[in-house]
Protein backbone atom coordinates (compact mmCIF):
# COMPACT_ATOMS: atom_id res chain seq x y z
CA MET A 1 48.87 25.54 0.73
CA GLN A 2 49.80 26.90 -2.72
CA VAL A 3 48.62 24.00 -4.88
CA THR A 4 46.05 24.40 -7.67
CA VAL A 5 43.42 21.66 -7.53
CA SER A 6 40.85 21.82 -10.35
CA ARG A 7 37.73 19.76 -9.72
CA LYS A 8 36.11 18.64 -12.97
CA ASP A 9 32.42 18.56 -13.79
CA ILE A 10 32.28 14.99 -15.09
CA LYS A 11 30.42 12.50 -12.89
CA PHE A 12 30.57 8.73 -13.09
CA LEU A 13 27.22 7.57 -11.74
CA PRO A 14 25.67 4.18 -11.00
CA ASP A 15 23.59 2.81 -13.88
CA SER A 16 21.00 0.22 -12.89
CA SER A 17 20.47 -0.81 -16.53
CA ARG A 18 23.86 -2.53 -16.69
CA VAL A 19 23.06 -6.13 -15.86
CA ILE A 20 24.71 -9.53 -15.99
CA THR A 21 23.18 -12.98 -15.51
CA SER A 22 23.75 -15.49 -12.75
CA LEU A 23 22.39 -18.87 -11.70
CA LEU A 24 19.11 -18.72 -9.75
CA TYR A 25 18.90 -21.65 -7.36
CA THR A 26 16.91 -22.24 -4.19
CA SER A 27 16.54 -25.65 -2.55
CA ASP A 28 16.91 -29.03 -4.22
CA GLU A 29 13.28 -30.00 -3.62
CA ARG A 30 11.88 -26.73 -4.91
CA SER A 31 14.19 -26.88 -7.93
CA LYS A 32 13.07 -30.42 -8.70
CA ASN A 33 9.43 -29.33 -8.64
CA ILE A 34 10.22 -26.49 -11.05
CA ILE A 35 11.91 -28.90 -13.46
CA TYR A 36 9.00 -31.36 -13.29
CA SER A 37 6.58 -28.51 -14.05
CA ILE A 38 8.61 -27.39 -17.06
CA LEU A 39 8.83 -30.91 -18.45
CA ALA A 40 5.07 -31.31 -18.02
CA MET A 41 4.35 -28.30 -20.28
CA PRO A 42 2.73 -29.08 -23.64
CA GLU A 43 5.22 -28.58 -26.46
CA ASP A 44 3.47 -25.54 -27.95
CA GLN A 45 3.27 -23.85 -24.54
CA ALA A 46 6.97 -24.50 -23.86
CA LYS A 47 7.94 -23.02 -27.23
CA ALA A 48 5.72 -19.97 -26.72
CA THR A 49 7.15 -19.37 -23.24
CA LEU A 50 10.74 -19.66 -24.47
CA ASN A 51 10.10 -17.39 -27.46
CA GLN A 52 8.72 -14.72 -25.13
CA VAL A 53 11.82 -14.94 -22.95
CA LEU A 54 14.10 -14.67 -25.98
CA ARG A 55 12.22 -11.61 -27.28
CA ASN A 56 12.50 -9.89 -23.91
CA TYR A 57 16.13 -10.68 -23.14
CA SER A 58 18.11 -11.38 -26.32
CA LYS A 59 18.82 -7.65 -26.77
CA ARG A 60 20.00 -7.32 -23.18
CA HIS A 61 22.63 -10.08 -23.27
CA ARG A 62 25.07 -11.56 -25.73
CA ASN A 63 24.20 -15.16 -26.62
CA ILE A 64 21.39 -15.51 -24.10
CA SER A 65 20.68 -19.04 -25.36
CA LEU A 66 24.25 -20.06 -24.48
CA ILE A 67 23.75 -18.64 -20.99
CA PHE A 68 20.63 -20.81 -20.60
CA GLU A 69 22.59 -23.86 -21.75
CA LYS A 70 25.38 -23.12 -19.27
CA HIS A 71 22.95 -22.83 -16.36
CA PHE A 72 21.14 -25.97 -17.51
CA ASN A 73 24.45 -27.87 -17.39
CA LYS A 74 25.08 -26.66 -13.83
CA LEU A 75 22.04 -28.69 -12.72
CA SER A 76 23.60 -32.02 -13.76
CA SER A 77 23.77 -33.43 -10.20
CA LEU A 78 20.10 -32.60 -9.71
CA PHE A 79 19.13 -34.42 -12.91
CA ASN A 80 21.08 -37.46 -11.71
CA GLU A 81 19.09 -37.49 -8.45
CA MET A 82 15.87 -37.19 -10.46
CA GLU A 83 17.04 -39.97 -12.79
CA ILE A 84 16.46 -37.72 -15.80
CA LYS A 85 18.66 -38.39 -18.82
CA THR A 86 19.39 -34.95 -20.18
CA GLY A 87 20.20 -36.40 -23.59
CA ASN A 88 16.50 -37.23 -23.96
CA LEU A 89 15.43 -33.60 -23.50
CA ASN A 90 14.83 -31.48 -26.58
CA LYS A 91 16.41 -28.11 -27.31
CA THR A 92 13.38 -26.14 -26.12
CA GLN A 93 13.18 -27.98 -22.79
CA ARG A 94 16.89 -27.50 -22.10
CA ALA A 95 16.79 -23.78 -22.89
CA LEU A 96 13.60 -23.22 -20.91
CA ILE A 97 14.97 -24.99 -17.82
CA GLY A 98 18.08 -22.81 -18.13
CA ALA A 99 15.89 -19.70 -18.37
CA TYR A 100 13.95 -20.55 -15.20
CA PHE A 101 17.24 -20.97 -13.35
CA THR A 102 18.69 -17.64 -14.57
CA LYS A 103 18.35 -14.19 -13.08
CA GLU A 104 19.67 -10.74 -13.90
CA TYR A 105 21.95 -8.89 -11.51
CA SER A 106 22.43 -5.12 -11.75
CA ILE A 107 26.14 -4.77 -11.01
CA GLU A 108 26.26 -1.04 -10.26
CA SER A 109 22.76 -0.23 -9.06
CA ALA A 110 23.96 0.84 -5.59
CA ALA A 111 27.32 2.54 -6.10
CA PHE A 112 30.10 3.33 -8.58
CA PHE A 113 33.19 4.36 -6.70
CA ASN A 114 36.88 3.99 -5.67
CA PRO A 115 38.43 4.51 -9.12
CA SER A 116 41.98 3.99 -10.35
CA ILE A 117 43.48 5.10 -13.68
CA VAL A 118 46.25 3.72 -15.93
CA GLU A 119 47.53 4.36 -19.43
CA ASP A 120 45.79 2.17 -22.03
CA PRO A 121 48.10 -0.37 -23.75
CA ASP A 122 46.72 1.00 -27.06
CA GLN A 123 47.81 4.59 -27.72
CA SER A 124 47.13 4.58 -31.47
CA GLY A 125 44.96 7.16 -33.20
CA ILE A 126 45.38 10.03 -30.74
CA ARG A 127 47.39 13.27 -30.69
CA ALA A 128 50.81 13.55 -29.07
CA ASP A 129 49.40 15.75 -26.28
CA GLU A 130 46.56 13.31 -25.54
CA LYS A 131 46.51 10.01 -23.70
CA ARG A 132 44.10 7.09 -23.87
CA VAL A 133 43.37 5.73 -20.40
CA ILE A 134 41.51 2.94 -18.68
CA ILE A 135 39.64 3.87 -15.51
CA SER A 136 38.61 1.05 -13.18
CA PHE A 137 35.79 1.29 -10.65
CA ARG A 138 34.32 -0.69 -7.81
CA ALA A 139 30.73 -1.32 -8.87
CA THR A 140 28.28 -2.40 -6.18
CA GLY A 141 24.83 -3.88 -6.63
CA GLU A 142 22.15 -5.73 -4.67
CA GLY A 143 23.44 -7.27 -1.45
CA HIS A 144 26.47 -4.95 -1.55
CA ILE A 145 28.38 -7.37 -3.81
CA SER A 146 31.22 -5.54 -5.55
CA SER A 147 32.87 -6.21 -8.89
CA ILE A 148 35.48 -4.49 -11.09
CA VAL A 149 34.32 -2.57 -14.16
CA PHE A 150 36.12 -0.31 -16.62
CA ARG A 151 35.69 2.82 -18.72
CA SER A 152 37.82 3.83 -21.70
CA ALA A 153 38.60 7.52 -22.15
CA VAL A 154 40.99 10.03 -23.70
CA ILE A 155 42.57 12.85 -21.70
CA ASP A 156 43.10 15.90 -23.91
CA LYS A 157 45.89 18.48 -23.64
CA ASP A 158 43.88 20.49 -21.10
CA CYS A 159 43.29 17.43 -18.88
CA ASN A 160 39.66 17.03 -19.86
CA ILE A 161 38.49 13.41 -19.83
CA ILE A 162 36.37 12.37 -22.81
CA THR A 163 34.85 8.95 -22.17
CA GLU A 164 33.94 6.52 -24.92
CA PRO A 165 30.29 5.42 -25.20
CA VAL A 166 29.45 2.86 -22.55
CA GLY A 167 28.27 -0.53 -23.80
CA LYS A 168 25.17 -2.18 -22.36
CA MET A 169 25.76 -5.78 -23.49
CA LEU A 170 27.98 -6.77 -20.59
CA ALA A 171 30.44 -9.60 -21.14
CA GLU A 172 31.25 -12.06 -18.42
CA ALA A 173 34.55 -13.81 -18.79
CA GLU A 174 35.13 -17.48 -19.29
CA ARG A 175 36.76 -18.84 -16.16
CA ILE A 176 39.74 -21.11 -16.69
CA LYS A 177 41.28 -23.27 -13.97
CA ARG A 178 44.69 -24.31 -15.17
CA HIS A 179 47.03 -23.18 -12.42
CA VAL A 180 49.78 -25.65 -11.52
CA TYR A 181 50.44 -25.91 -7.77
CA HIS A 182 53.76 -26.86 -6.21
CA LYS A 183 53.24 -29.19 -3.27
CA LYS A 184 55.78 -27.65 -0.88
CA SER A 185 54.59 -24.05 -1.40
CA PHE A 186 50.95 -25.16 -1.26
CA MET A 187 51.53 -26.84 2.12
CA LYS A 188 53.37 -23.76 3.39
CA ARG A 189 50.45 -21.50 2.47
CA LEU A 190 48.03 -23.88 4.21
CA ASP A 191 50.15 -23.62 7.33
CA GLU A 192 49.97 -19.79 7.12
CA MET A 193 46.17 -20.07 7.08
CA ARG A 194 46.22 -21.77 10.50
CA GLU A 195 42.90 -21.41 12.31
CA PHE A 196 43.56 -23.61 15.33
CA ASN A 197 46.39 -25.42 17.09
CA ASN A 198 47.34 -28.98 16.23
CA LYS A 199 45.92 -28.67 12.75
CA PRO A 200 46.39 -31.99 10.91
CA SER A 201 48.89 -32.22 8.08
CA PRO A 202 47.33 -32.17 4.58
CA VAL A 203 49.60 -35.08 3.62
CA PHE A 204 46.69 -37.55 3.87
CA VAL A 205 45.36 -35.93 0.66
CA LEU A 206 48.49 -34.57 -0.99
CA GLU A 207 50.31 -37.93 -0.83
CA LYS A 208 48.09 -38.98 -3.72
CA LEU A 209 49.59 -36.25 -5.91
CA GLY A 210 52.95 -35.56 -7.51
CA ASP A 211 55.24 -32.64 -6.68
CA ASN A 212 53.20 -30.50 -9.09
CA PHE A 213 49.44 -30.81 -9.52
CA THR A 214 46.43 -29.04 -11.01
CA TYR A 215 43.11 -28.02 -9.48
CA GLY A 216 41.39 -30.97 -11.17
CA GLU A 217 43.92 -33.45 -9.79
CA LEU A 218 43.51 -32.04 -6.28
CA LYS A 219 39.72 -32.22 -6.57
CA ARG A 220 39.87 -35.89 -7.61
CA ALA A 221 42.26 -36.68 -4.72
CA VAL A 222 39.87 -35.02 -2.27
CA GLU A 223 36.87 -36.93 -3.65
CA GLU A 224 38.79 -40.22 -3.41
CA THR A 225 39.80 -39.45 0.20
CA ARG A 226 36.23 -38.67 1.20
CA LYS A 227 35.00 -41.95 -0.28
CA THR A 228 37.67 -44.25 1.16
CA ARG A 229 38.08 -43.12 4.77
CA GLU A 230 36.20 -41.73 7.74
CA LEU A 231 37.38 -38.18 8.36
CA SER A 232 37.59 -36.30 11.65
CA ALA A 233 36.19 -32.78 11.93
CA LYS A 234 39.70 -31.32 11.73
CA LYS A 235 40.53 -33.29 8.59
CA LYS A 236 37.29 -32.15 6.99
CA PHE A 237 38.28 -28.60 7.85
CA ILE A 238 41.75 -28.92 6.28
CA ILE A 239 40.12 -30.28 3.11
CA THR A 240 37.87 -27.23 3.03
CA GLU A 241 40.93 -25.01 3.41
CA MET A 242 42.74 -26.84 0.59
CA MET A 243 39.86 -26.39 -1.84
CA TRP A 244 39.37 -22.77 -0.73
CA LEU A 245 43.02 -22.02 -1.50
CA ALA A 246 42.99 -23.89 -4.82
CA LYS A 247 39.86 -22.12 -6.02
CA SER A 248 41.45 -18.73 -5.44
CA HIS A 249 43.70 -19.25 -8.51
CA TYR A 250 42.03 -18.82 -11.87
CA GLU A 251 42.25 -17.11 -15.22
CA LEU A 252 39.68 -15.07 -17.11
CA ASP A 253 39.23 -14.64 -20.86
CA PHE A 254 36.98 -11.96 -22.34
CA SER A 255 35.66 -12.07 -25.88
CA LEU A 256 37.61 -9.97 -28.39
CA ASP A 257 34.36 -8.38 -29.60
CA SER A 258 33.64 -6.84 -26.17
CA ALA A 259 34.34 -3.18 -25.45
CA ILE A 260 36.31 -2.62 -22.27
CA SER A 261 33.27 -0.93 -20.69
CA GLU A 262 31.41 -4.23 -21.21
CA ARG A 263 33.95 -6.39 -19.36
CA VAL A 264 33.02 -7.19 -15.78
CA ILE A 265 35.23 -8.99 -13.27
CA TYR A 266 32.52 -10.39 -11.03
CA PRO A 267 33.19 -12.52 -7.90
CA ILE A 268 33.85 -16.10 -8.96
CA SER A 269 35.73 -18.03 -6.29
CA ASP A 270 34.52 -18.75 -2.75
CA THR A 271 37.18 -16.39 -1.38
CA GLU A 272 35.47 -13.41 -3.00
CA LYS A 273 31.81 -14.42 -3.12
CA ASN A 274 30.77 -11.31 -1.15
CA GLY A 275 32.81 -8.89 -3.20
CA ILE A 276 35.91 -7.76 -5.05
CA GLU A 277 36.89 -4.50 -3.39
CA ASP A 278 39.08 -1.49 -4.22
CA ALA A 279 41.30 -2.66 -7.09
CA ARG A 280 44.49 -0.59 -7.31
CA PHE A 281 45.72 -0.89 -10.91
CA VAL A 282 49.29 -0.02 -11.84
CA LYS A 283 51.27 -0.10 -15.06
CA PHE A 284 54.32 -2.12 -14.00
CA THR A 285 57.56 -2.04 -16.01
CA GLU A 286 59.87 -5.03 -15.64
CA GLU A 287 63.63 -4.60 -15.62
CA SER A 288 63.59 -6.03 -19.15
CA GLY A 289 61.23 -3.25 -20.26
CA GLU A 290 58.20 -5.54 -20.51
CA VAL A 291 54.96 -3.91 -19.33
CA ILE A 292 52.44 -5.81 -17.20
CA TYR A 293 49.35 -4.33 -15.58
CA TYR A 294 48.79 -5.50 -12.01
CA ALA A 295 45.97 -4.80 -9.61
CA THR A 296 45.89 -5.59 -5.92
CA TYR A 297 42.40 -5.99 -4.52
CA THR A 298 40.58 -7.31 -1.48
CA ALA A 299 38.52 -10.50 -1.77
CA TYR A 300 35.74 -10.79 0.80
CA ASP A 301 33.81 -14.00 1.52
CA GLY A 302 31.43 -12.56 4.11
CA ARG A 303 33.65 -13.40 7.07
CA SER A 304 37.28 -12.76 6.19
CA ILE A 305 39.38 -10.85 3.67
CA LEU A 306 42.12 -12.09 1.36
CA PRO A 307 44.41 -9.76 -0.61
CA LYS A 308 44.65 -10.94 -4.22
CA LEU A 309 46.50 -10.01 -7.38
CA LEU A 310 45.24 -9.53 -10.93
CA GLU A 311 47.66 -9.61 -13.84
CA THR A 312 47.01 -8.65 -17.47
CA LYS A 313 48.83 -7.34 -20.52
CA ASP A 314 45.83 -6.47 -22.68
CA PHE A 315 42.72 -6.29 -20.40
CA TYR A 316 41.25 -9.27 -22.28
CA HIS A 317 43.08 -12.05 -20.42
CA PHE A 318 43.54 -11.86 -16.63
CA LYS A 319 45.33 -14.12 -14.18
CA CYS A 320 44.13 -14.09 -10.58
CA SER A 321 46.12 -15.38 -7.61
CA PRO A 322 46.17 -14.91 -3.82
CA ILE A 323 48.81 -12.92 -1.98
CA HIS A 324 50.62 -15.04 0.63
CA GLY A 325 52.73 -14.31 3.68
CA GLU A 326 52.31 -12.66 7.05
CA LEU A 327 51.04 -9.44 5.44
CA ALA A 328 48.27 -11.26 3.57
CA HIS A 329 45.53 -10.16 5.95
CA ASN A 330 45.63 -6.46 5.06
CA LYS A 331 43.44 -4.29 2.90
CA GLY A 332 44.79 -1.54 0.67
CA MET A 333 48.06 -3.03 -0.61
CA ALA A 334 49.51 -0.94 -3.46
CA LEU A 335 52.35 -2.09 -5.71
CA PHE A 336 55.14 0.24 -6.87
CA PRO A 337 55.30 0.55 -10.70
CA ARG A 338 58.81 -0.95 -10.88
CA LYS A 339 61.27 -2.89 -8.77
CA ILE A 340 63.42 -0.98 -6.30
CA ASN A 341 66.97 -2.26 -5.80
CA GLY A 342 65.99 -5.52 -7.50
CA LYS A 343 62.90 -6.21 -5.37
CA TYR A 344 59.17 -5.72 -5.71
CA ALA A 345 57.91 -3.01 -3.36
CA MET A 346 54.43 -2.62 -1.86
CA LEU A 347 52.71 -0.04 0.31
CA CYS A 348 50.50 -1.59 2.98
CA ARG A 349 48.82 -0.87 6.32
CA THR A 350 49.51 -3.83 8.57
CA ASP A 351 47.85 -2.40 11.68
CA GLY A 352 44.94 -0.49 10.15
CA VAL A 353 46.38 2.85 11.30
CA ASN A 354 49.84 3.52 9.85
CA ASN A 355 51.49 3.32 6.43
CA HIS A 356 54.17 0.66 5.89
CA ILE A 357 56.37 -0.52 3.04
CA SER A 358 57.33 -4.09 2.19
CA TYR A 359 59.84 -5.66 -0.22
CA SER A 360 59.79 -9.10 -1.79
CA ASP A 361 61.53 -11.28 -4.36
CA ASN A 362 58.16 -12.88 -5.15
CA ILE A 363 55.20 -10.71 -6.15
CA ASN A 364 52.76 -13.11 -4.42
CA ILE A 365 54.60 -13.46 -1.08
CA TRP A 366 54.89 -10.57 1.39
CA ARG A 367 56.25 -11.21 4.88
CA ASN A 368 57.84 -8.18 6.57
CA ALA A 369 56.95 -4.49 6.56
CA THR A 370 58.63 -1.29 7.75
CA LEU A 371 56.71 1.61 9.25
CA ILE A 372 57.09 4.77 7.13
CA GLN A 373 54.23 7.06 8.21
CA LYS A 374 51.99 7.64 11.22
CA PRO A 375 48.97 9.92 11.63
CA LYS A 376 50.35 13.36 12.46
CA TYR A 377 47.92 16.17 11.65
CA PRO A 378 44.37 16.74 12.99
CA TRP A 379 42.64 15.73 9.72
CA GLU A 380 44.26 12.25 9.78
CA LEU A 381 44.59 11.35 13.46
CA ILE A 382 42.39 8.23 13.25
CA GLN A 383 44.32 6.57 10.42
CA VAL A 384 46.36 7.11 7.27
CA GLY A 385 46.57 4.86 4.22
CA ASN A 386 47.53 4.92 0.56
CA CYS A 387 45.20 5.88 -2.26
CA GLY A 388 46.83 3.74 -4.93
CA SER A 389 50.27 2.93 -6.25
CA PRO A 390 53.06 5.50 -5.91
CA VAL A 391 53.65 7.75 -8.93
CA GLU A 392 57.26 8.24 -10.01
CA THR A 393 58.31 11.89 -10.45
CA ARG A 394 61.67 13.60 -10.93
CA GLU A 395 61.63 14.60 -7.24
CA GLY A 396 60.64 11.25 -5.74
CA TRP A 397 57.77 8.82 -5.26
CA LEU A 398 54.51 10.75 -5.01
CA VAL A 399 52.02 8.92 -2.78
CA ILE A 400 48.43 10.09 -2.55
CA THR A 401 47.16 9.22 0.91
CA HIS A 402 43.84 9.21 2.70
CA GLY A 403 43.42 10.37 6.24
CA VAL A 404 40.49 10.04 8.63
CA GLY A 405 39.69 12.79 11.10
CA PRO A 406 36.78 14.09 13.21
CA MET A 407 33.30 12.81 12.29
CA ARG A 408 35.07 10.04 10.31
CA GLU A 409 35.68 12.52 7.49
CA TYR A 410 38.06 11.17 4.81
CA GLY A 411 40.40 13.61 3.07
CA LEU A 412 43.12 13.08 0.47
CA GLY A 413 46.70 14.08 1.22
CA ALA A 414 50.08 13.67 -0.45
CA SER A 415 53.58 12.58 0.59
CA LEU A 416 56.90 12.41 -1.25
CA TYR A 417 59.51 9.66 -0.74
CA ASP A 418 63.07 9.14 -1.97
CA LEU A 419 63.28 7.29 -5.31
CA GLU A 420 65.99 4.84 -4.27
CA ASN A 421 65.02 4.59 -0.61
CA PRO A 422 61.24 5.01 -0.35
CA GLU A 423 61.42 4.54 3.42
CA LYS A 424 62.79 8.09 3.53
CA GLU A 425 60.07 10.73 3.58
CA ILE A 426 61.01 13.95 1.77
CA GLY A 427 57.84 15.86 2.51
CA ARG A 428 54.19 15.65 3.46
CA LEU A 429 51.20 17.98 3.19
CA LYS A 430 50.07 19.45 6.49
CA THR A 431 46.52 19.98 5.23
CA PRO A 432 44.38 17.88 2.88
CA LEU A 433 44.89 18.17 -0.84
CA LEU A 434 41.18 17.46 -1.21
CA SER A 435 38.34 17.31 1.33
CA PRO A 436 34.68 16.51 0.64
CA ASN A 437 32.76 19.64 -0.34
CA ALA A 438 29.02 20.21 0.12
CA GLU A 439 28.13 18.13 -2.95
CA GLU A 440 30.65 15.34 -2.34
CA ARG A 441 29.82 14.70 1.30
CA GLU A 442 26.35 13.22 0.65
CA GLY A 443 26.17 9.53 -0.26
CA TYR A 444 26.05 5.94 0.92
CA VAL A 445 28.91 6.66 3.37
CA PRO A 446 28.89 10.43 4.06
CA ASN A 447 31.93 12.70 4.25
CA VAL A 448 34.32 10.53 2.23
CA VAL A 449 36.59 11.21 -0.74
CA TYR A 450 38.74 8.24 -1.76
CA SER A 451 40.91 7.11 -4.65
CA CYS A 452 42.62 3.89 -5.74
CA GLY A 453 45.13 5.32 -8.20
CA SER A 454 46.29 8.40 -10.13
CA MET A 455 48.64 9.29 -13.01
CA ILE A 456 50.54 12.20 -14.57
CA HIS A 457 49.50 13.95 -17.79
CA ASN A 458 50.81 17.21 -19.28
CA GLY A 459 52.26 18.50 -16.03
CA ASN A 460 49.21 17.58 -13.97
CA LEU A 461 48.32 14.81 -11.59
CA ILE A 462 45.06 13.27 -12.81
CA LEU A 463 43.31 12.20 -9.62
CA PRO A 464 40.05 10.24 -9.96
CA TYR A 465 38.18 9.90 -6.69
CA ALA A 466 34.96 8.61 -5.21
CA MET A 467 32.36 10.78 -3.53
CA SER A 468 30.94 9.26 -0.34
CA ASP A 469 30.96 5.69 -1.67
CA TYR A 470 28.25 6.46 -4.24
CA SER A 471 29.69 7.99 -7.42
CA SER A 472 33.01 9.23 -8.80
CA THR A 473 34.66 12.22 -10.45
CA TYR A 474 38.22 13.52 -10.86
CA ALA A 475 40.48 16.51 -10.33
CA ALA A 476 43.61 17.84 -12.02
CA VAL A 477 46.42 18.94 -9.68
CA ASP A 478 49.31 21.14 -10.82
CA LEU A 479 52.25 18.77 -10.40
CA ASN A 480 55.02 21.38 -10.07
CA GLU A 481 53.12 23.26 -7.38
CA LEU A 482 52.44 20.03 -5.51
CA LEU A 483 56.08 18.90 -5.60
CA GLU A 484 57.32 22.33 -4.49
CA GLU A 485 54.89 22.31 -1.58
CA LEU A 486 56.01 18.81 -0.58
CA LYS A 487 59.69 19.78 -0.69
CA LYS A 488 59.06 22.54 1.81
């Protein structure tokens, strides 16, 4: 194979010092005893304890006192059971209770991998032969919980990546629930989530709502239903499904004073409580010329997966929604960067083995897929899949693929598809573009190189990739040589 692949020296490594906060909660009884103990502290001891906490942690987190207040407020139901009027508690007691129910979580202590790369919306202040980029990663910490994190960088004319300093004061987003649901489509999605035969209709709850409703209105209708009637096990289950689906829609807002390396998209909803996996970001251009950044990712709740979609224009405000339809049980969906013949297009792997393509009028609903690629060569006989969104070139859609061969070794390949009919394969590499070398094969999952997205810069394909599910790096691939090899 006559393709120049230049591995770069830069390494993106896990950093255990990058921490966020989360609520620390055990059992109700134990939590009540902790609260009683805090309230029994003499005033001077409570102030001294809080001051020590603030000295130790105020330089590790933005607005740590606000975090304590937020976690204090999350205990409201417990205070009601204890018949404690929170309005009677002083500022020190509230903050100290919040501190005892707060813990740090190191988001990338275990692994920093599966990167994708897109052009930054802000290209000011750089040379014409440079490009500012945003690189996303899957960061994994304690308990193998994954989140999405970012790095900002500039690629120079020689395809060297110069990263900006990485911030330590991580910023969690404010979660906003303001999605409006349409009753008919909501019921249809519930039907698609069927877990057993003869599932009861959700009408017994939804009849209390109008044709359009919000999360809050649904929650109140569910609470009213639970109070006013005896529910069968199946009706309790359908209520759980309704709330599960509703919670999967949300929006995130990050503070304007946060650097992009400080923004963390951490699992929020029940659908993703065990991880947000393998985000494939793409710069999508609408037919009107408007640019929107999308990312498909896999939400994991510990038992099942749900493909979801992130949407942003500025990487400060994100909308999150589930992907519906018969294909909504698959990992590794990758959106094309523009519509094809008036429809959205998506790469997917419906059977876990082969590559497929799907088209849709609605970016959240994907029903039918067409087979476009099967394992063919020895290095990919177990399975093939995409490694991010297709890249548009003058010769066709360039798709970086992964293949799995003997000893479950993952290699990266490449295929080329027709621009107007991406079901038509123009060419495909017979051997891997990149295989794990001696350094890259050691890690959490040995013998794996993997990517979630690439881009073109100065005649090269910039290909970030993960090394054995532990850390990440990148390579520059001569684009002309690659295209010529694929056309053979």
